[in-house]
C-alpha cells in the first residue's frame, strides 16, 4: 500500500512527495516510493522483507547483535532471534492475563520483569529441556544485550532484560516451545514473585499463576 502523504506535505531531507496517477500523494525516500505491507501489524514489524524481490526495507536501524546470534523469519512467527546455527531463542516470561499471542511481537514483557525472573526461573529440572544461551568468556554487553552470571559460574546472554534459552525439541528453523505454559503455586514466596513480579507473604494454596515461553522478537 502506498505511504500516503498529507496534501500540504513538503519535502524534507531525503523525503519528498510525488503525485501518483491514481490521485494519491505518496512519500518517497531518496527518490524511491515508499509502501506499507499489509501483514505488518505491530510497531517495528518488517514482515514484507523478502516477500517480493522488487521491495526491500527502506530504512532499518541495526543494533548490536552477538556473533553467535542471528535474525530469522518464518511465515508463522515473522522475524525472531536465533542462534547462528538456527536454533530459536526463547524468553521465560510472565503469562499475560489474556490468551498467549501467536504473533511473538504482540506481547513483550517488561525488561524489569525479565531482570526480576533472572536465570532462576529455570531450575535444574527445567534446564533438561531449556538450554541457556551461553556467552563466550570475552563477550561484553552492548545495547539491548546483557550478560547474567549463573549459579554455576557460566555466563548467559540476556535480551531486553530476559535470559535466553534454546529448546531441545526444536530443530533449526522450528519454534515448538513457543507458547508452552508452566504453572506455579501462588502463596509460596518465590513462586509468587515469579508469577506476579512482586514478593508476597500470602498463604500457600491461594491459587496458580502461569509462566510461559515465547520466541524472542528483535
Foldseek 3Di string as FASTA:
>chain_A
DFAADDPPDQDDDQWHWDADPVGTIGIDGVPHTDDDDPPPDDPPADQVAPVDPVDHDPDDDDFDDDPQKDWDADPQAGIFIAGPQQFFKKFWFAADPDARDSHQVPDDDQLLLQQLPDPVVQDPVNCVFWPFAFDDPPDAADDQWHWDQDPVRTIGIDGNNTTITGGPVDDRPDDVQAWDKDKFWCQPQVSVCNNPVDGDNHHTPPDIGMIGMHGHHD
